[in-house]
C-alpha cells in the first residue's frame, strides 16, 4: 500500500469515527477530578509536546493566565519565572484524553465538560469556553 492509499484509508477511518459517534454530556467538573493524570502543578495545552521557551506568545500568555488562575503566581512575571524554571509541568491535552479551545490550556481547577461517546464508551473532557453561553 503506497502513502496515498494509507492516507485515504486513515481519512476514511477518521470520518467514520466522527459520523458514527454518539457524544453525551455527562458532567461538568473540575479538570483535576476527571482528566487522567492531571495532577499537581500541571497545565495541559493544545498541540504536540513543546517546551515552554518554544511556545508562541499567545500560548505562553494562556498558560501564564492559568498559572495565575490556579493561584500558583500573583503576577505574569512571577508565573513566567516559575514556567522558565520548570516548576509547572506542561503536557499536551491529547496525552490526557482532553481537548480545549484556542491554546487549549486546562488546569486542575478549570471546569470542563465530561463527554462520553456512547458509540464506543470512550470518555473525554473538553474545556468549557469562557465568555460563551452554554
Protein backbone atom coordinates (compact mmCIF):
# COMPACT_ATOMS: atom_id res chain seq x y z
CA UNK A 1 0.00 0.00 0.00
CA UNK A 2 1.50 3.34 -1.02
CA UNK A 3 1.39 6.53 1.09
CA UNK A 4 -1.61 7.94 -0.81
CA UNK A 5 -3.65 4.80 -0.09
CA UNK A 6 -2.59 4.87 3.59
CA UNK A 7 -3.70 8.49 3.90
CA UNK A 8 -7.03 7.79 2.19
CA UNK A 9 -7.66 4.80 4.46
CA UNK A 10 -6.79 6.85 7.57
CA UNK A 11 -9.08 9.68 6.43
CA UNK A 12 -11.93 7.23 5.84
CA UNK A 13 -11.46 5.84 9.36
CA UNK A 14 -11.43 9.36 10.87
CA UNK A 15 -14.63 10.35 9.08
CA UNK A 16 -16.27 7.07 10.10
CA UNK A 17 -15.44 7.68 13.76
CA UNK A 18 -16.78 11.24 13.60
CA UNK A 19 -20.04 10.30 11.91
CA UNK A 20 -20.73 7.20 14.00
CA UNK A 21 -20.11 8.87 17.36
CA UNK A 22 -22.82 9.35 19.97
CA UNK A 23 -21.49 12.12 22.29
CA UNK A 24 -23.42 12.65 25.52
CA UNK A 25 -22.66 15.35 28.12
CA UNK A 26 -22.50 13.51 31.45
CA UNK A 27 -20.97 16.06 33.83
CA UNK A 28 -19.24 19.38 34.37
CA UNK A 29 -16.42 19.02 36.87
CA UNK A 30 -13.03 20.47 37.87
CA UNK A 31 -10.46 19.15 35.40
CA UNK A 32 -8.22 17.74 38.12
CA UNK A 33 -11.04 15.44 39.21
CA UNK A 34 -11.83 13.98 35.78
CA UNK A 35 -8.81 14.24 33.46
CA UNK A 36 -6.48 11.26 33.84
CA UNK A 37 -3.04 12.26 35.11
CA UNK A 38 -3.82 15.98 35.52
CA UNK A 39 -2.45 16.50 39.00
CA UNK A 40 -0.17 18.76 40.94
CA UNK A 41 1.12 21.84 39.20
CA UNK A 42 0.31 20.77 35.66
CA UNK A 43 -1.29 22.59 32.77
CA UNK A 44 -2.29 20.86 29.55
CA UNK A 45 -2.27 22.63 26.20
CA UNK A 46 -3.23 22.22 22.56
CA UNK A 47 -0.84 20.80 20.01
CA UNK A 48 2.10 18.45 20.27
CA UNK A 49 4.60 18.28 23.14
CA UNK A 50 6.55 21.53 23.22
CA UNK A 51 8.91 23.20 25.65
CA UNK A 52 7.87 26.45 27.34
CA UNK A 53 10.53 28.50 25.53
CA UNK A 54 9.40 27.27 22.10
CA UNK A 55 5.70 28.14 22.54
CA UNK A 56 4.25 31.08 20.65
CA UNK A 57 3.34 34.23 22.58
CA UNK A 58 -0.40 33.51 22.56
CA UNK A 59 0.06 30.03 24.01
CA UNK A 60 2.51 31.32 26.63
CA UNK A 61 0.02 34.02 27.56
CA UNK A 62 -2.77 31.48 28.02
CA UNK A 63 -0.56 29.34 30.23
CA UNK A 64 0.52 32.34 32.29
CA UNK A 65 -3.17 33.14 32.77
CA UNK A 66 -3.83 29.61 34.05
CA UNK A 67 -0.89 29.79 36.46
CA UNK A 68 -2.40 32.97 37.95
CA UNK A 69 -5.93 31.46 37.86
CA UNK A 70 -4.67 28.50 39.93
CA UNK A 71 -3.00 30.84 42.45
CA UNK A 72 0.48 29.48 41.75
CA UNK A 73 1.69 33.03 40.99
CA UNK A 74 0.41 36.53 41.66
CA UNK A 75 1.71 38.26 38.54
CA UNK A 76 2.59 37.44 34.94
CA UNK A 77 6.26 37.99 35.76
CA UNK A 78 6.15 35.53 38.66
CA UNK A 79 4.28 33.00 36.52
CA UNK A 80 6.80 33.33 33.70
CA UNK A 81 9.71 32.82 36.13
CA UNK A 82 8.12 29.63 37.51
CA UNK A 83 7.49 28.32 34.00
CA UNK A 84 11.05 29.11 32.89
CA UNK A 85 12.38 27.18 35.92
CA UNK A 86 10.17 24.19 35.07
CA UNK A 87 8.20 24.43 38.33
CA UNK A 88 4.96 23.87 36.41
CA UNK A 89 4.57 20.80 34.21
CA UNK A 90 3.23 21.30 30.68
CA UNK A 91 1.71 18.44 28.67
CA UNK A 92 -0.45 18.13 25.55
CA UNK A 93 -4.19 17.66 26.06
CA UNK A 94 -4.30 14.57 23.85
CA UNK A 95 -1.98 12.76 26.28
CA UNK A 96 -4.83 13.05 28.82
CA UNK A 97 -7.96 12.36 26.70
CA UNK A 98 -8.78 16.08 26.70
CA UNK A 99 -9.18 18.94 24.24
CA UNK A 100 -9.55 22.68 24.70
CA UNK A 101 -10.38 25.79 22.66
CA UNK A 102 -7.74 28.06 21.16
CA UNK A 103 -4.45 27.48 23.08
CA UNK A 104 -6.25 24.62 24.79
CA UNK A 105 -4.93 25.34 28.26
CA UNK A 106 -6.52 23.32 31.06
CA UNK A 107 -5.52 23.49 34.72
CA UNK A 108 -6.74 21.38 37.66
CA UNK A 109 -9.40 23.84 38.90
CA UNK A 110 -10.82 24.71 35.48
CA UNK A 111 -14.38 23.47 34.85
CA UNK A 112 -14.60 21.03 31.95
CA UNK A 113 -17.37 19.21 30.16
CA UNK A 114 -17.16 15.46 30.60
CA UNK A 115 -18.42 13.82 27.42
CA UNK A 116 -19.00 10.14 26.85
CA UNK A 117 -19.06 8.70 23.35
CA UNK A 118 -21.72 6.03 23.78
CA UNK A 119 -20.87 4.51 20.40
CA UNK A 120 -17.60 3.19 21.83
CA UNK A 121 -17.86 4.17 25.54
CA UNK A 122 -14.86 6.47 25.33
CA UNK A 123 -14.82 9.25 27.94
CA UNK A 124 -13.19 12.61 27.27
CA UNK A 125 -13.06 16.08 28.81
CA UNK A 126 -13.46 19.39 26.98
CA UNK A 127 -12.51 22.73 28.42
CA UNK A 128 -15.53 25.00 28.67
CA UNK A 129 -15.07 28.12 26.56
CA UNK A 130 -15.17 31.19 28.76
CA UNK A 131 -17.49 34.00 27.80
CA UNK A 132 -19.86 31.89 25.74
CA UNK A 133 -23.39 30.95 26.73
CA UNK A 134 -24.00 27.24 27.21
